[in-house]
Amino acid sequence: MTVLSASHSGFVKRVLPFLAIAGACGWSYWFGTRDGQSEATWTYVAIAVVLAVVMVVVLRRGLWSMADSVEDSGDALHIRRWRTIQSIPIVDVKSIEREPSLVGSVVTLHLSRPSAFGSAIRFYAPDARKVPNIINDLESLAIRVRSKGGSHVA
């Protein structure tokens, strides 16, 4: 099986953003009390809660909606997001879009039949400097999607 998605841990995707908020609020509180400013602790707790709510809204639309891992087995794609795992046949993929980003690229798979993840599945593909064959693997997948119905050799 060829792994098409960038590897990242659930910790980085789901826990680290909230640790960053707690760290920023803790750091601000510590420096505020050190300088003699006596802001109420509840002010920092309220700021942390507001930032956490904003973070949830932003992450739900972006990073959390993306697949955690995508593997190509030749005739199907095995996709995992959080605890949901689904196998999607290549014939169910209508088209593939690849948008280059700073590191790697964002790949969107448009499906002819909606899956448990919806009618479009997005994931991060690794950077070509880390995984040299990723562009060829994604292009191979795109060619197989365009030539649906023929014999597919992985």
Protein backbone atom coordinates (compact mmCIF):
# COMPACT_ATOMS: atom_id res chain seq x y z
CA MET A 1 0.00 0.00 0.00
CA THR A 2 1.20 3.47 -0.87
CA VAL A 3 0.71 6.13 1.78
CA LEU A 4 -0.49 9.35 0.16
CA SER A 5 -1.03 11.47 3.25
CA ALA A 6 1.46 13.29 5.43
CA SER A 7 2.07 11.65 8.78
CA HIS A 8 1.05 13.62 11.83
CA SER A 9 -0.05 12.57 15.24
CA GLY A 10 -3.40 13.09 16.88
CA PHE A 11 -1.58 15.01 19.60
CA VAL A 12 -0.45 17.68 17.15
CA LYS A 13 -3.84 17.85 15.46
CA ARG A 14 -6.14 17.74 18.47
CA VAL A 15 -4.28 18.58 21.70
CA LEU A 16 -1.42 20.95 20.85
CA PRO A 17 -3.63 23.90 19.77
CA PHE A 18 -5.30 23.95 23.19
CA LEU A 19 -1.99 23.57 25.01
CA ALA A 20 -0.77 26.59 23.06
CA ILE A 21 -3.76 28.64 24.27
CA ALA A 22 -3.21 27.55 27.88
CA GLY A 23 0.50 28.31 27.58
CA ALA A 24 -0.10 31.78 26.13
CA CYS A 25 -2.60 32.67 28.85
CA GLY A 26 -0.34 31.24 31.57
CA TRP A 27 2.64 33.13 30.22
CA SER A 28 0.65 36.41 30.11
CA TYR A 29 -0.65 35.87 33.64
CA TRP A 30 2.81 35.07 35.00
CA PHE A 31 4.42 38.15 33.47
CA GLY A 32 1.45 40.31 34.56
CA THR A 33 1.77 39.24 38.20
CA ARG A 34 5.54 39.54 38.09
CA ASP A 35 5.31 43.18 37.03
CA GLY A 36 2.94 43.98 39.89
CA GLN A 37 -0.24 44.10 37.85
CA SER A 38 -2.96 42.30 39.74
CA GLU A 39 -5.41 41.28 37.04
CA ALA A 40 -8.05 38.83 38.13
CA THR A 41 -7.29 35.19 37.37
CA TRP A 42 -10.79 34.86 35.97
CA THR A 43 -9.90 37.34 33.23
CA TYR A 44 -7.27 34.95 31.91
CA VAL A 45 -9.61 31.99 32.27
CA ALA A 46 -12.29 33.85 30.29
CA ILE A 47 -9.75 34.76 27.59
CA ALA A 48 -8.65 31.12 27.40
CA VAL A 49 -12.27 29.93 27.05
CA VAL A 50 -13.03 32.46 24.29
CA LEU A 51 -9.84 31.53 22.43
CA ALA A 52 -10.65 27.82 22.79
CA VAL A 53 -14.14 28.33 21.32
CA VAL A 54 -12.68 30.29 18.40
CA MET A 55 -10.04 27.56 17.93
CA VAL A 56 -12.71 24.84 17.82
CA VAL A 57 -14.68 26.72 15.15
CA VAL A 58 -11.57 27.32 13.04
CA LEU A 59 -10.21 23.77 13.42
CA ARG A 60 -13.57 22.17 12.66
CA ARG A 61 -13.66 23.88 9.28
CA GLY A 62 -10.01 23.23 8.53
CA LEU A 63 -7.64 20.73 10.08
CA TRP A 64 -10.18 18.54 11.87
CA SER A 65 -12.25 18.02 8.73
CA MET A 66 -9.25 16.57 6.87
CA ALA A 67 -8.44 12.88 6.73
CA ASP A 68 -5.72 11.64 9.08
CA SER A 69 -4.34 9.04 6.70
CA VAL A 70 -4.96 7.98 3.10
CA GLU A 71 -3.47 4.79 1.67
CA ASP A 72 -3.71 3.63 -1.93
CA SER A 73 -4.06 -0.13 -2.39
CA GLY A 74 -4.46 -0.02 -6.16
CA ASP A 75 -8.20 -0.48 -6.56
CA ALA A 76 -9.33 1.34 -3.39
CA LEU A 77 -8.31 4.11 -1.04
CA HIS A 78 -8.25 3.36 2.68
CA ILE A 79 -9.09 6.55 4.55
CA ARG A 80 -9.01 7.19 8.29
CA ARG A 81 -10.22 10.24 10.16
CA TRP A 82 -10.22 10.07 13.94
CA ARG A 83 -11.88 6.70 14.68
CA THR A 84 -13.68 6.27 11.36
CA ILE A 85 -12.02 4.07 8.75
CA GLN A 86 -13.49 3.57 5.30
CA SER A 87 -12.38 1.93 2.09
CA ILE A 88 -13.42 3.84 -1.03
CA PRO A 89 -13.12 2.17 -4.46
CA ILE A 90 -11.24 4.17 -7.10
CA VAL A 91 -14.31 4.02 -9.37
CA ASP A 92 -16.20 6.14 -6.79
CA VAL A 93 -13.66 8.99 -7.10
CA LYS A 94 -14.84 11.57 -9.67
CA SER A 95 -11.83 13.86 -9.65
CA ILE A 96 -8.72 14.86 -7.77
CA GLU A 97 -7.51 18.39 -7.07
CA ARG A 98 -4.03 19.13 -5.76
CA GLU A 99 -3.25 22.57 -4.33
CA PRO A 100 0.43 23.15 -3.54
CA SER A 101 1.06 24.80 -0.19
CA LEU A 102 4.12 25.95 1.72
CA VAL A 103 4.98 22.43 2.81
CA GLY A 104 3.41 19.64 0.78
CA SER A 105 0.02 20.08 -0.77
CA VAL A 106 -3.67 19.81 0.01
CA VAL A 107 -5.41 17.09 -2.00
CA THR A 108 -9.18 16.98 -2.46
CA LEU A 109 -10.93 13.85 -3.66
CA HIS A 110 -14.40 14.46 -5.10
CA LEU A 111 -16.61 11.37 -4.82
CA SER A 112 -19.52 10.31 -7.02
CA ARG A 113 -21.26 8.75 -3.99
CA PRO A 114 -20.97 10.42 -0.57
CA SER A 115 -19.06 8.44 2.03
CA ALA A 116 -18.95 8.67 5.81
CA PHE A 117 -16.65 11.68 5.26
CA GLY A 118 -18.98 13.45 2.80
CA SER A 119 -18.77 13.97 -0.94
CA ALA A 120 -15.29 15.52 -0.80
CA ILE A 121 -12.33 14.27 1.19
CA ARG A 122 -9.36 16.54 1.88
CA PHE A 123 -5.95 15.56 3.21
CA TYR A 124 -2.39 16.84 3.38
CA ALA A 125 0.10 15.19 1.05
CA PRO A 126 3.71 15.22 2.26
CA ASP A 127 6.37 17.51 0.88
CA ALA A 128 8.28 16.16 -2.13
CA ARG A 129 11.55 16.84 -0.27
CA LYS A 130 10.54 14.34 2.44
CA VAL A 131 8.77 11.81 0.19
CA PRO A 132 10.36 12.11 -3.29
CA ASN A 133 7.80 9.90 -5.10
CA ILE A 134 4.66 11.57 -3.75
CA ILE A 135 4.03 13.67 -6.89
CA ASN A 136 4.32 10.54 -9.06
CA ASP A 137 2.01 8.60 -6.70
CA LEU A 138 -0.63 11.35 -6.78
CA GLU A 139 -0.34 11.64 -10.57
CA SER A 140 -0.69 7.86 -10.90
CA LEU A 141 -3.85 8.01 -8.81
CA ALA A 142 -5.19 10.88 -10.93
CA ILE A 143 -4.51 8.90 -14.13
CA ARG A 144 -6.34 5.86 -12.72
CA VAL A 145 -9.29 8.05 -11.73
CA ARG A 146 -9.48 9.60 -15.20
CA SER A 147 -9.30 6.17 -16.88
CA LYS A 148 -11.97 4.51 -14.68
CA GLY A 149 -13.23 1.17 -15.82
CA GLY A 150 -9.95 -0.04 -17.28
CA SER A 151 -7.64 -2.48 -15.56
CA HIS A 152 -5.69 -0.75 -12.82
CA VAL A 153 -2.24 -1.95 -11.88
CA ALA A 154 -0.81 -0.54 -8.69
